[in-house]
Amino acid sequence: MRWATFAGVCVAALVWAAYSVGAQNGSFLTQDFGAQYHLAEITAHGAIPLVDFEHGWNAGSFWVNAALYAIASGSPTIWYFLWGRLLGAGLGAILAAAIGVRLRLHPAVMIALALGVFLLATPLHIKYTICLLWVFVLLPTGWLESRPRLAAAARVLLPALVFWQYVELAVLLTGASGLFELFARRSAPWRTRILNCVQLAGGFVLGLVVEAMAYKLVWGLSFADFNRQVILGQTETHQGSQYAVWNFFDLPTESGRFFILALYPFALLIPFVPLVWQRISDSTRLIALAGLVLVVVPIRRVDNPHTTTVSALVLLAVVLAVAELYERRASLVEPTEPLGGGVSKPTRSAFALLLAAAGAAWAAATLWIGFGLQSMLGAVLLVALAIAGAVLGGAFLRGATAAVSAGALVVLGGVPALAAVDHLDDMRRDAKSFAVSDSIARWAGPEYERCSGGAREALVMPNYLELYDALEITNPTPYYLFHYDFAQYEDVLVPQLEDGSIPVIIETMPLHTPQPWLTDAIRANYVPCSVVRIEKQATAVTIWTHKSRGEIAQRDLIIRQGKAIPTPEG
């Protein structure tokens, strides 16, 4: 069933990747994706691939892009399908399911992981599937761990290869794996953990040295120039970069994925709540730590794309934690914790509320300090506080673990809930749903009273039907929606327009679908008593009165900065 589920995810990934991509237009080539397409093109034609440090891309990634460019025969659409959709979200979902196969998860959990990558935490392109590939290879379980030499080779070669692809991710993910070895791996002796850290660091240095030598021997690039391209010179370009303050109660709402921004900071910390940390496996701990360290990406750029694209590991860690907590209920399994012994029963003392307050303070401080400082220090402190809470909590809390964890979970669940209520209140106060109709009622209302002569019957067309209530008028016809097949009512409506049973027509905007028979009948039987042009709303309202009313003074007004100004013609 696992392998059948994995095969189904692979097919779904290919289909989704193909059907989610559209033909790229000219603007595509002026954006970040277009820059990568151009760099892929010139690399394919022999240009020396250097480094785009702003995005973390290194020499190897340009060769990969060049190969994809060649496969796509230069088509931006096919190249983006390969580089973005297929090797981004598509490969990400496949790797999520592959992690499920390695961990021998229930097929339902595998599907949840894959769907999460498909629909929620969607990597933009190949760069961020490296994160999933990293944890898939280094999961501390199964065949790799049973072969020490192979595991050592993986810890050395993987950082070296990722360095050639993406410098930023090589730094962050190597650091995450080092933190896992030092603070999260269970049962392994300290000598093994330290050796694993040395292998990871050695792999990173290996990638750096081999690349420097390749540039020197193949292209004749001096070590000083290479240093400026890859190390110190690249960091200088970011000396003035600003880190955003993640305002939990005032998040941007530019797309339907607002909830990603709202929930990401809190989901990030859930695996590090002491009670959860004690009960999750080493594999889930590695995934959680990798997702935690990657938090620097969305902290620097608080927006949906950057948050979504690095949240796959966070999502995987939360789903795996929930699955493991379900399977390892305390009444059935008593997990081991070498850092602090077995999980003790919750404390029932009078200090329970105080301990819960301490857990709440830890969660709140981690969130506000980690996401609130406008510098890299914020991300560093976030990682430090999260790991400290998990490790020290598991080691020293013992019977107080449940109470402290309950307080932390109240904050982690309560703050985003309060932020959602605050967001809805902001939207209620800031809503402009009736701004146009209110403006029309304010400025065109007096003109209606002048033109109508007190008649309370009028036809509003084709939009802003709120004017019936705002102007206290009724519609003398049964028709409200001027849809594309409105001509079917021509035989009924034209006689009413001719005999004056519709005394006034308020035209708020042109018809969405042209109706020549209707506009011709209006011009033949009505006169424009008033035209009110509201500049702020970019709206022109015409009030038509039936010719049977005789001569009526006509006016043409411009509403500008809160004042009604007659036009020279009006």
Protein backbone atom coordinates (compact mmCIF):
# COMPACT_ATOMS: atom_id res chain seq x y z
CA MET A 1 0.00 0.00 0.00
CA ARG A 2 2.86 2.38 0.74
CA TRP A 3 4.46 1.81 -2.64
CA ALA A 4 1.10 2.08 -4.39
CA THR A 5 0.50 5.37 -2.59
CA PHE A 6 3.95 6.59 -3.58
CA ALA A 7 3.30 5.71 -7.23
CA GLY A 8 -0.01 7.57 -7.11
CA VAL A 9 1.71 10.66 -5.70
CA CYS A 10 4.28 10.53 -8.51
CA VAL A 11 1.55 10.48 -11.17
CA ALA A 12 -0.42 13.22 -9.42
CA ALA A 13 2.74 15.35 -9.15
CA LEU A 14 3.39 15.12 -12.89
CA VAL A 15 -0.22 15.88 -13.79
CA TRP A 16 -0.48 18.78 -11.34
CA ALA A 17 2.82 20.26 -12.50
CA ALA A 18 1.71 20.13 -16.14
CA TYR A 19 -1.77 21.53 -15.61
CA SER A 20 -0.72 24.27 -13.20
CA VAL A 21 1.70 25.98 -15.59
CA GLY A 22 0.59 28.57 -18.11
CA ALA A 23 2.18 30.07 -21.20
CA GLN A 24 4.76 32.65 -20.12
CA ASN A 25 4.40 36.17 -21.48
CA GLY A 26 6.88 38.98 -21.89
CA SER A 27 6.62 40.19 -18.28
CA PHE A 28 7.85 36.79 -17.09
CA LEU A 29 11.28 37.55 -18.53
CA THR A 30 11.59 40.79 -16.53
CA GLN A 31 11.17 39.16 -13.12
CA ASP A 32 13.30 36.89 -10.92
CA PHE A 33 12.28 33.82 -12.91
CA GLY A 34 13.24 35.62 -16.08
CA ALA A 35 16.67 36.40 -14.63
CA GLN A 36 17.25 32.72 -13.93
CA TYR A 37 16.05 31.83 -17.43
CA HIS A 38 18.55 34.29 -18.94
CA LEU A 39 21.39 32.98 -16.76
CA ALA A 40 20.46 29.43 -17.78
CA GLU A 41 20.60 30.51 -21.42
CA ILE A 42 24.03 32.15 -21.28
CA THR A 43 25.41 29.25 -19.21
CA ALA A 44 24.14 26.84 -21.85
CA HIS A 45 26.09 28.87 -24.41
CA GLY A 46 29.34 28.68 -22.45
CA ALA A 47 29.28 31.56 -19.96
CA ILE A 48 31.21 31.04 -16.73
CA PRO A 49 28.66 30.36 -13.95
CA LEU A 50 29.47 32.51 -10.94
CA VAL A 51 27.21 33.18 -7.98
CA ASP A 52 23.89 34.93 -7.47
CA PHE A 53 24.20 35.41 -3.74
CA GLU A 54 20.93 37.31 -3.41
CA HIS A 55 19.13 34.04 -4.09
CA GLY A 56 21.89 31.67 -2.95
CA TRP A 57 22.44 30.14 -6.39
CA ASN A 58 25.91 28.75 -7.08
CA ALA A 59 27.77 27.30 -10.05
CA GLY A 60 26.17 23.87 -10.02
CA SER A 61 22.67 25.28 -10.13
CA PHE A 62 23.47 27.19 -13.31
CA TRP A 63 24.64 23.97 -14.94
CA VAL A 64 21.39 22.30 -13.90
CA ASN A 65 19.42 25.26 -15.27
CA ALA A 66 21.43 25.13 -18.48
CA ALA A 67 20.60 21.43 -18.88
CA LEU A 68 16.91 22.18 -18.34
CA TYR A 69 17.17 25.02 -20.86
CA ALA A 70 18.57 22.58 -23.41
CA ILE A 71 15.83 20.03 -22.70
CA ALA A 72 13.23 22.78 -23.14
CA SER A 73 14.85 23.85 -26.45
CA GLY A 74 14.91 27.40 -25.12
CA SER A 75 11.17 27.64 -24.45
CA PRO A 76 10.56 29.75 -21.31
CA THR A 77 7.30 27.90 -20.67
CA ILE A 78 8.81 24.40 -20.83
CA TRP A 79 11.88 25.54 -18.89
CA TYR A 80 9.68 26.96 -16.13
CA PHE A 81 7.59 23.77 -16.10
CA LEU A 82 10.75 21.73 -15.51
CA TRP A 83 12.60 24.12 -13.18
CA GLY A 84 9.62 25.49 -11.31
CA ARG A 85 6.51 23.34 -11.25
CA LEU A 86 7.90 19.85 -11.82
CA LEU A 87 11.13 20.15 -9.80
CA GLY A 88 9.49 22.50 -7.31
CA ALA A 89 6.09 21.48 -5.95
CA GLY A 90 5.98 18.25 -7.97
CA LEU A 91 9.29 16.86 -6.74
CA GLY A 92 8.54 18.28 -3.29
CA ALA A 93 5.37 16.20 -3.02
CA ILE A 94 7.23 13.12 -4.27
CA LEU A 95 9.96 13.62 -1.67
CA ALA A 96 7.33 14.08 1.06
CA ALA A 97 5.78 10.74 0.08
CA ALA A 98 9.25 9.17 -0.15
CA ILE A 99 9.93 10.28 3.42
CA GLY A 100 6.73 8.45 4.33
CA VAL A 101 8.03 5.29 2.64
CA ARG A 102 11.35 5.50 4.51
CA LEU A 103 9.59 6.04 7.83
CA ARG A 104 7.05 3.29 7.08
CA LEU A 105 4.14 5.66 7.65
CA HIS A 106 0.50 4.82 7.15
CA PRO A 107 -0.59 5.60 3.55
CA ALA A 108 -3.07 8.18 4.86
CA VAL A 109 -0.23 10.09 6.51
CA MET A 110 1.80 9.88 3.30
CA ILE A 111 -1.12 11.37 1.36
CA ALA A 112 -1.48 14.12 3.98
CA LEU A 113 2.21 15.00 3.59
CA ALA A 114 2.00 15.08 -0.21
CA LEU A 115 -1.23 17.09 -0.29
CA GLY A 116 0.25 19.56 2.17
CA VAL A 117 3.13 20.22 -0.22
CA PHE A 118 0.76 20.37 -3.20
CA LEU A 119 -1.77 22.75 -1.71
CA LEU A 120 -0.24 24.61 1.24
CA ALA A 121 3.55 24.61 1.48
CA THR A 122 4.38 24.72 -2.22
CA PRO A 123 8.08 25.13 -3.16
CA LEU A 124 8.37 27.74 -5.89
CA HIS A 125 11.10 25.93 -7.77
CA ILE A 126 13.95 23.45 -7.52
CA LYS A 127 15.87 25.46 -4.92
CA TYR A 128 13.54 24.69 -2.05
CA THR A 129 13.12 20.99 -2.84
CA ILE A 130 16.77 20.73 -1.78
CA CYS A 131 15.48 21.10 1.80
CA LEU A 132 13.24 18.06 1.44
CA LEU A 133 15.98 16.09 -0.31
CA TRP A 134 18.38 16.90 2.53
CA VAL A 135 16.20 15.45 5.28
CA PHE A 136 15.19 12.49 3.10
CA VAL A 137 18.83 11.45 2.71
CA LEU A 138 19.90 12.12 6.31
CA LEU A 139 16.89 10.66 8.13
CA PRO A 140 18.42 8.77 11.09
CA THR A 141 16.58 5.55 10.36
CA GLY A 142 16.56 2.49 8.14
CA TRP A 143 19.19 1.25 5.75
CA LEU A 144 21.44 4.33 5.92
CA GLU A 145 21.95 4.17 9.66
CA SER A 146 22.69 0.46 9.49
CA ARG A 147 25.64 1.16 7.18
CA PRO A 148 28.02 3.52 9.03
CA ARG A 149 30.39 4.06 6.09
CA LEU A 150 27.54 4.92 3.74
CA ALA A 151 26.04 7.26 6.33
CA ALA A 152 29.41 8.98 6.77
CA ALA A 153 29.75 9.40 3.00
CA ALA A 154 26.26 10.94 2.84
CA ARG A 155 27.09 13.43 5.60
CA VAL A 156 30.22 14.50 3.73
CA LEU A 157 29.00 14.52 0.13
CA LEU A 158 25.54 16.03 0.65
CA PRO A 159 26.77 19.39 2.08
CA ALA A 160 29.45 19.53 -0.62
CA LEU A 161 26.95 18.96 -3.42
CA VAL A 162 24.39 21.39 -1.95
CA PHE A 163 27.11 24.04 -1.60
CA TRP A 164 27.69 23.80 -5.36
CA GLN A 165 23.96 24.29 -5.88
CA TYR A 166 22.85 26.79 -3.23
CA VAL A 167 25.25 28.43 -0.80
CA GLU A 168 22.57 29.75 1.55
CA LEU A 169 20.84 26.38 1.94
CA ALA A 170 24.16 24.60 2.40
CA VAL A 171 24.96 26.88 5.34
CA LEU A 172 21.51 26.64 6.94
CA LEU A 173 20.92 22.93 6.48
CA THR A 174 24.43 21.98 7.59
CA GLY A 175 23.82 24.02 10.72
CA ALA A 176 20.44 22.35 11.26
CA SER A 177 21.96 18.87 11.01
CA GLY A 178 24.73 19.89 13.40
CA LEU A 179 22.16 21.09 15.92
CA PHE A 180 20.33 17.79 15.54
CA GLU A 181 23.48 15.80 16.26
CA LEU A 182 24.34 17.89 19.31
CA PHE A 183 20.93 18.43 20.91
CA ALA A 184 18.30 16.11 19.44
CA ARG A 185 19.73 12.69 18.51
CA ARG A 186 19.00 10.04 21.10
CA SER A 187 20.90 6.89 22.08
CA ALA A 188 24.00 7.73 20.01
CA PRO A 189 27.15 8.30 22.13
CA TRP A 190 28.70 11.76 22.21
CA ARG A 191 31.73 10.59 20.30
CA THR A 192 29.50 9.55 17.38
CA ARG A 193 27.57 12.81 17.47
CA ILE A 194 30.69 14.94 17.39
CA LEU A 195 32.15 12.83 14.59
CA ASN A 196 28.94 13.32 12.61
CA CYS A 197 29.23 17.09 13.08
CA VAL A 198 32.83 17.00 11.88
CA GLN A 199 31.75 15.07 8.79
CA LEU A 200 29.02 17.62 8.01
CA ALA A 201 31.40 20.56 8.42
CA GLY A 202 34.04 18.75 6.42
CA GLY A 203 31.60 18.22 3.58
CA PHE A 204 30.77 21.92 3.50
CA VAL A 205 34.47 22.86 3.45
CA LEU A 206 35.06 20.22 0.77
CA GLY A 207 32.47 21.84 -1.49
CA LEU A 208 34.03 25.26 -0.98
CA VAL A 209 37.61 24.09 -1.61
CA VAL A 210 36.78 21.98 -4.66
CA GLU A 211 34.82 24.83 -6.23
CA ALA A 212 37.63 27.31 -5.57
CA MET A 213 40.15 24.96 -7.16
CA ALA A 214 37.85 24.30 -10.14
CA TYR A 215 37.52 28.00 -10.86
CA LYS A 216 41.29 28.39 -10.55
CA LEU A 217 42.24 25.47 -12.77
CA VAL A 218 39.43 25.56 -15.37
CA TRP A 219 38.77 29.30 -15.74
CA GLY A 220 41.87 30.87 -14.19
CA LEU A 221 39.85 32.79 -11.58
CA SER A 222 42.11 33.86 -8.71
CA PHE A 223 41.27 32.91 -5.16
CA ALA A 224 40.79 36.60 -4.34
CA ASP A 225 38.21 36.98 -7.09
CA PHE A 226 36.56 33.73 -6.08
CA ASN A 227 36.40 34.98 -2.50
CA ARG A 228 34.68 38.17 -3.66
CA GLN A 229 32.23 36.14 -5.71
CA VAL A 230 31.36 33.46 -3.18
CA ILE A 231 32.30 34.50 0.36
CA LEU A 232 33.13 37.93 1.76
CA GLY A 233 32.47 40.04 -1.30
CA GLN A 234 28.97 38.65 -1.64
CA THR A 235 28.01 39.34 1.96
CA GLU A 236 29.07 42.96 1.54
CA THR A 237 26.22 43.51 -0.90
CA HIS A 238 23.80 42.79 1.92
CA GLN A 239 25.21 45.04 4.63
CA GLY A 240 22.23 47.36 4.46
CA SER A 241 19.55 44.69 4.12
CA GLN A 242 16.56 45.07 6.41
CA TYR A 243 14.88 42.27 8.30
CA ALA A 244 11.15 42.65 8.61
CA VAL A 245 9.17 42.75 11.84
CA TRP A 246 6.55 40.02 11.69
CA ASN A 247 3.49 41.84 13.03
CA PHE A 248 1.12 39.07 14.07
CA PHE A 249 -1.82 41.46 14.28
CA ASP A 250 -1.29 43.38 11.06
CA LEU A 251 -0.35 40.87 8.39
CA PRO A 252 -0.60 41.60 4.66
CA THR A 253 -3.56 40.08 2.86
CA GLU A 254 -2.48 40.26 -0.76
CA SER A 255 -3.66 36.74 -1.58
CA GLY A 256 -5.81 33.89 -0.35
CA ARG A 257 -2.89 32.31 1.50
CA PHE A 258 -3.09 34.75 4.38
CA PHE A 259 -3.40 31.78 6.75
CA ILE A 260 0.12 30.64 5.82
CA LEU A 261 1.46 33.92 7.20
CA ALA A 262 -0.81 33.73 10.21
CA LEU A 263 -0.02 30.16 11.23
CA TYR A 264 3.59 29.69 10.15
CA PRO A 265 5.29 31.21 13.25
CA PHE A 266 3.18 29.11 15.61
CA ALA A 267 3.30 25.84 13.69
CA LEU A 268 7.07 26.34 13.59
CA LEU A 269 7.30 25.98 17.38
CA ILE A 270 4.81 23.17 18.00
CA PRO A 271 7.38 20.33 17.76
CA PHE A 272 9.56 22.16 20.31
CA VAL A 273 6.96 22.22 23.07
CA PRO A 274 8.63 20.00 25.71
CA LEU A 275 5.85 17.42 25.94
CA VAL A 276 5.73 17.09 22.14
CA TRP A 277 9.53 17.07 21.81
CA GLN A 278 9.81 14.14 24.23
CA ARG A 279 7.38 12.00 22.25
CA ILE A 280 8.46 12.56 18.65
CA SER A 281 11.03 10.42 16.86
CA ASP A 282 14.54 11.45 15.94
CA SER A 283 13.50 11.69 12.29
CA THR A 284 10.77 14.19 13.12
CA ARG A 285 13.23 16.12 15.26
CA LEU A 286 15.63 16.44 12.32
CA ILE A 287 12.84 17.67 10.04
CA ALA A 288 11.61 20.13 12.69
CA LEU A 289 15.12 21.54 13.22
CA ALA A 290 15.69 21.94 9.48
CA GLY A 291 12.39 23.83 9.19
CA LEU A 292 13.30 25.95 12.21
CA VAL A 293 16.66 27.06 10.84
CA LEU A 294 15.11 27.98 7.48
CA VAL A 295 12.99 30.58 9.29
CA VAL A 296 15.55 33.21 8.27
CA VAL A 297 14.03 33.22 4.76
CA PRO A 298 10.49 34.38 5.63
CA ILE A 299 11.74 36.64 8.43
CA ARG A 300 13.77 38.57 5.87
CA ARG A 301 10.86 38.71 3.42
CA VAL A 302 7.45 38.60 5.10
CA ASP A 303 5.24 37.59 2.20
CA ASN A 304 3.29 34.60 1.01
CA PRO A 305 5.75 33.24 -1.58
CA HIS A 306 8.78 33.18 0.73
CA THR A 307 6.80 31.84 3.68
CA THR A 308 5.02 29.20 1.64
CA THR A 309 8.10 27.97 -0.15
CA VAL A 310 10.08 27.17 3.03
CA SER A 311 7.18 25.90 5.13
CA ALA A 312 7.16 22.37 3.68
CA LEU A 313 9.45 21.05 6.43
CA VAL A 314 7.39 22.82 9.08
CA LEU A 315 4.24 21.20 7.73
CA LEU A 316 5.89 17.79 7.58
CA ALA A 317 7.13 18.10 11.16
CA VAL A 318 3.67 19.03 12.46
CA VAL A 319 1.91 16.23 10.57
CA LEU A 320 4.49 13.67 11.69
CA ALA A 321 4.28 14.90 15.28
CA VAL A 322 0.50 14.54 15.29
CA ALA A 323 0.75 11.05 13.79
CA GLU A 324 3.36 9.97 16.31
CA LEU A 325 1.46 11.41 19.26
CA TYR A 326 -1.57 9.46 18.11
CA GLU A 327 0.40 6.23 17.80
CA ARG A 328 2.40 6.70 20.99
CA ARG A 329 -0.30 7.59 23.45
CA ALA A 330 1.08 7.75 26.99
CA SER A 331 -1.27 5.04 28.17
CA LEU A 332 0.23 2.59 25.68
CA VAL A 333 3.84 3.62 25.21
CA GLU A 334 6.34 5.13 27.59
CA PRO A 335 9.02 6.71 25.32
CA THR A 336 12.59 6.99 26.44
CA GLU A 337 14.48 10.27 26.73
CA PRO A 338 18.19 9.93 27.50
CA LEU A 339 18.46 13.62 28.30
CA GLY A 340 16.00 13.41 31.12
CA GLY A 341 14.61 9.91 31.59
CA GLY A 342 11.04 8.80 30.87
CA VAL A 343 8.06 11.12 30.60
CA SER A 344 6.59 11.70 34.02
CA LYS A 345 2.96 12.14 34.94
CA PRO A 346 1.70 15.73 34.93
CA THR A 347 2.17 17.64 38.13
CA ARG A 348 -0.96 18.17 40.19
CA SER A 349 0.47 20.63 42.66
CA ALA A 350 -0.69 24.17 43.34
CA PHE A 351 2.16 25.38 41.15
CA ALA A 352 0.52 24.04 37.99
CA LEU A 353 -0.80 27.46 36.96
CA LEU A 354 2.57 29.06 37.65
CA LEU A 355 4.29 26.44 35.55
CA ALA A 356 1.75 26.95 32.75
CA ALA A 357 2.47 30.68 32.90
CA ALA A 358 6.17 29.91 32.52
CA GLY A 359 5.45 27.84 29.42
CA ALA A 360 3.29 30.61 28.02
CA ALA A 361 6.06 33.12 28.69
CA TRP A 362 8.58 30.93 26.85
CA ALA A 363 6.35 30.61 23.79
CA ALA A 364 5.46 34.31 23.75
CA ALA A 365 9.07 35.43 24.20
CA THR A 366 10.29 33.09 21.47
CA LEU A 367 7.70 34.46 19.05
CA TRP A 368 8.09 38.15 19.81
CA ILE A 369 11.88 38.16 20.07
CA GLY A 370 12.49 35.81 17.15
CA PHE A 371 10.08 37.48 14.75
CA GLY A 372 10.30 41.00 16.12
CA LEU A 373 13.97 41.97 15.87
CA GLN A 374 15.00 43.69 12.65
CA SER A 375 18.26 41.81 12.29
CA MET A 376 19.70 38.34 11.85
CA LEU A 377 19.92 38.23 15.64
CA GLY A 378 16.17 37.67 15.73
CA ALA A 379 16.43 34.42 13.76
CA VAL A 380 19.41 33.28 15.86
CA LEU A 381 17.54 33.90 19.11
CA LEU A 382 14.44 32.20 17.76
CA VAL A 383 16.42 29.02 17.05
CA ALA A 384 18.21 29.23 20.40
CA LEU A 385 15.04 29.76 22.45
CA ALA A 386 13.16 27.00 20.65
CA ILE A 387 15.94 24.45 21.13
CA ALA A 388 16.55 25.53 24.72
CA GLY A 389 12.88 25.12 25.58
CA ALA A 390 12.71 21.68 24.02
CA VAL A 391 15.99 20.25 25.35
CA LEU A 392 16.08 21.82 28.79
CA GLY A 393 12.36 21.26 29.26
CA GLY A 394 12.71 17.60 28.49
CA ALA A 395 15.76 17.27 30.73
CA PHE A 396 14.67 19.11 33.86
CA LEU A 397 10.90 19.61 33.96
CA ARG A 398 9.98 15.99 34.66
CA GLY A 399 6.54 16.12 36.35
CA ALA A 400 6.08 19.75 35.33
CA THR A 401 6.35 18.98 31.62
CA ALA A 402 2.61 18.75 31.04
CA ALA A 403 1.80 22.02 32.81
CA VAL A 404 4.54 24.00 31.09
CA SER A 405 3.62 22.53 27.72
CA ALA A 406 -0.05 23.35 28.25
CA GLY A 407 0.81 27.00 28.82
CA ALA A 408 2.99 27.07 25.70
CA LEU A 409 0.25 25.46 23.60
CA VAL A 410 -2.31 27.99 24.83
CA VAL A 411 -0.12 30.77 23.44
CA LEU A 412 0.70 28.90 20.24
CA GLY A 413 -3.00 28.34 19.61
CA GLY A 414 -4.41 31.48 21.18
CA VAL A 415 -2.28 34.17 19.57
CA PRO A 416 -3.11 33.25 15.96
CA ALA A 417 -6.77 32.87 16.93
CA LEU A 418 -6.76 36.36 18.45
CA ALA A 419 -4.89 37.65 15.41
CA ALA A 420 -7.61 36.19 13.17
CA VAL A 421 -10.32 37.99 15.16
CA ASP A 422 -8.30 41.21 15.02
CA HIS A 423 -7.82 40.76 11.27
CA LEU A 424 -11.56 40.35 10.71
CA ASP A 425 -12.19 43.46 12.79
CA ASP A 426 -9.64 45.40 10.73
CA MET A 427 -11.31 44.27 7.54
CA ARG A 428 -14.72 45.25 8.92
CA ARG A 429 -13.56 48.74 9.81
CA ASP A 430 -11.52 49.19 6.65
CA ALA A 431 -14.04 47.67 4.25
CA LYS A 432 -14.99 49.85 1.30
CA SER A 433 -17.85 47.63 0.15
CA PHE A 434 -20.35 50.49 -0.10
CA ALA A 435 -17.90 53.32 -0.70
CA VAL A 436 -19.00 53.92 -4.29
CA SER A 437 -22.73 53.59 -3.70
CA ASP A 438 -22.48 55.81 -0.60
CA SER A 439 -20.62 58.41 -2.62
CA ILE A 440 -23.21 58.25 -5.40
CA ALA A 441 -26.04 58.62 -2.88
CA ARG A 442 -24.31 61.63 -1.29
CA TRP A 443 -23.50 63.57 -4.45
CA ALA A 444 -26.10 62.36 -6.95
CA GLY A 445 -28.93 62.22 -4.39
CA PRO A 446 -29.67 65.99 -4.43
CA GLU A 447 -29.58 65.96 -8.22
CA TYR A 448 -32.07 63.09 -8.24
CA GLU A 449 -34.42 65.07 -6.01
CA ARG A 450 -34.14 68.06 -8.34
CA CYS A 451 -34.67 66.04 -11.51
CA SER A 452 -37.39 63.68 -10.25
CA GLY A 453 -39.70 66.35 -8.90
CA GLY A 454 -40.48 64.16 -5.91
CA ALA A 455 -41.14 60.94 -7.80
CA ARG A 456 -40.09 57.91 -5.73
CA GLU A 457 -39.91 55.49 -8.63
CA ALA A 458 -36.73 55.08 -10.68
CA LEU A 459 -34.74 52.40 -12.49
CA VAL A 460 -31.11 51.98 -11.38
CA MET A 461 -28.95 50.47 -14.09
CA PRO A 462 -26.85 48.45 -14.28
CA ASN A 463 -25.16 48.29 -10.86
CA TYR A 464 -25.10 49.72 -7.30
CA LEU A 465 -28.57 48.47 -6.48
CA GLU A 466 -27.99 49.71 -2.93
CA LEU A 467 -29.19 53.08 -4.24
CA TYR A 468 -32.80 51.89 -4.03
CA ASP A 469 -32.49 51.86 -0.24
CA ALA A 470 -30.11 54.80 0.03
CA LEU A 471 -32.40 57.12 -2.01
CA GLU A 472 -35.64 55.57 -0.72
CA ILE A 473 -36.94 54.76 -4.18
CA THR A 474 -38.63 51.73 -5.72
CA ASN A 475 -38.18 50.00 -9.05
CA PRO A 476 -41.33 50.28 -11.23
CA THR A 477 -40.18 47.20 -13.23
CA PRO A 478 -39.48 43.61 -12.15
CA TYR A 479 -36.01 43.81 -13.71
CA TYR A 480 -32.74 44.34 -11.83
CA LEU A 481 -29.97 42.34 -13.55
CA PHE A 482 -28.96 43.59 -16.99
CA HIS A 483 -27.40 40.32 -18.08
CA TYR A 484 -26.25 39.23 -21.52
CA ASP A 485 -29.70 37.91 -22.57
CA PHE A 486 -31.63 40.88 -21.21
CA ALA A 487 -32.97 41.49 -24.74
CA GLN A 488 -35.67 38.90 -24.06
CA TYR A 489 -37.50 41.61 -22.10
CA GLU A 490 -37.43 44.14 -24.93
CA ASP A 491 -41.13 43.73 -25.80
CA VAL A 492 -42.15 44.49 -22.21
CA LEU A 493 -39.64 47.16 -21.23
CA VAL A 494 -39.62 49.39 -24.34
CA PRO A 495 -43.33 50.33 -23.99
CA GLN A 496 -42.66 51.34 -20.37
CA LEU A 497 -39.77 53.50 -21.53
CA GLU A 498 -41.98 55.12 -24.14
CA ASP A 499 -45.07 55.85 -22.05
CA GLY A 500 -43.21 57.30 -19.07
CA SER A 501 -44.20 54.68 -16.50
CA ILE A 502 -40.49 54.75 -15.59
CA PRO A 503 -40.13 58.46 -14.74
CA VAL A 504 -36.39 58.46 -13.91
CA ILE A 505 -33.41 56.31 -14.85
CA ILE A 506 -30.19 56.45 -12.80
CA GLU A 507 -27.34 55.18 -14.97
CA THR A 508 -24.39 54.38 -12.71
CA MET A 509 -22.02 52.87 -15.30
CA PRO A 510 -22.04 51.51 -18.85
CA LEU A 511 -23.72 48.16 -19.39
CA HIS A 512 -21.38 45.18 -19.10
CA THR A 513 -23.00 43.66 -22.17
CA PRO A 514 -24.08 46.16 -24.87
CA GLN A 515 -27.86 46.39 -25.31
CA PRO A 516 -28.42 48.74 -28.30
CA TRP A 517 -32.19 48.39 -28.15
CA LEU A 518 -32.19 49.60 -24.55
CA THR A 519 -29.75 52.50 -24.93
CA ASP A 520 -31.52 53.66 -28.12
CA ALA A 521 -34.89 53.62 -26.36
CA ILE A 522 -33.49 55.65 -23.45
CA ARG A 523 -31.96 58.30 -25.72
CA ALA A 524 -35.17 58.55 -27.74
CA ASN A 525 -37.47 59.03 -24.74
CA TYR A 526 -35.34 60.61 -21.98
CA VAL A 527 -33.13 63.64 -21.50
CA PRO A 528 -29.96 63.72 -19.33
CA CYS A 529 -31.10 65.99 -16.52
CA SER A 530 -27.81 65.71 -14.62
CA VAL A 531 -24.37 64.19 -15.01
CA VAL A 532 -22.39 63.83 -11.76
CA ARG A 533 -18.71 62.93 -12.20
CA ILE A 534 -17.13 61.74 -8.92
CA GLU A 535 -13.36 61.95 -9.42
CA LYS A 536 -12.34 60.05 -6.29
CA GLN A 537 -14.40 57.01 -7.29
CA ALA A 538 -13.77 57.42 -11.04
CA THR A 539 -17.54 57.20 -11.53
CA ALA A 540 -19.93 59.17 -13.72
CA VAL A 541 -23.66 59.01 -12.90
CA THR A 542 -26.28 60.16 -15.39
CA ILE A 543 -29.83 60.92 -14.25
CA TRP A 544 -32.29 60.59 -17.13
CA THR A 545 -35.82 62.05 -16.91
CA HIS A 546 -38.70 61.25 -19.24
CA LYS A 547 -39.43 63.81 -21.95
CA SER A 548 -43.07 63.99 -20.85
CA ARG A 549 -41.94 66.11 -17.88
CA GLY A 550 -41.15 69.00 -20.19
CA GLU A 551 -38.15 71.29 -20.02
CA ILE A 552 -35.78 70.69 -17.07
CA ALA A 553 -32.56 72.52 -16.35
CA GLN A 554 -29.62 70.29 -17.18
CA ARG A 555 -26.40 70.28 -15.13
CA ASP A 556 -22.97 68.69 -15.41
CA LEU A 557 -21.02 68.52 -12.13
CA ILE A 558 -17.55 67.41 -11.13
CA ILE A 559 -17.10 66.28 -7.53
CA ARG A 560 -13.54 67.22 -6.64
CA GLN A 561 -12.04 67.26 -3.12
CA GLY A 562 -15.45 67.20 -1.50
CA LYS A 563 -16.94 70.01 -3.59
CA ALA A 564 -19.44 70.05 -6.45
CA ILE A 565 -18.02 72.13 -9.29
CA PRO A 566 -20.08 72.84 -12.44
CA THR A 567 -18.24 72.07 -15.67
CA PRO A 568 -17.95 74.88 -18.23
CA GLU A 569 -20.65 73.14 -20.26
CA GLY A 570 -22.86 72.54 -17.25
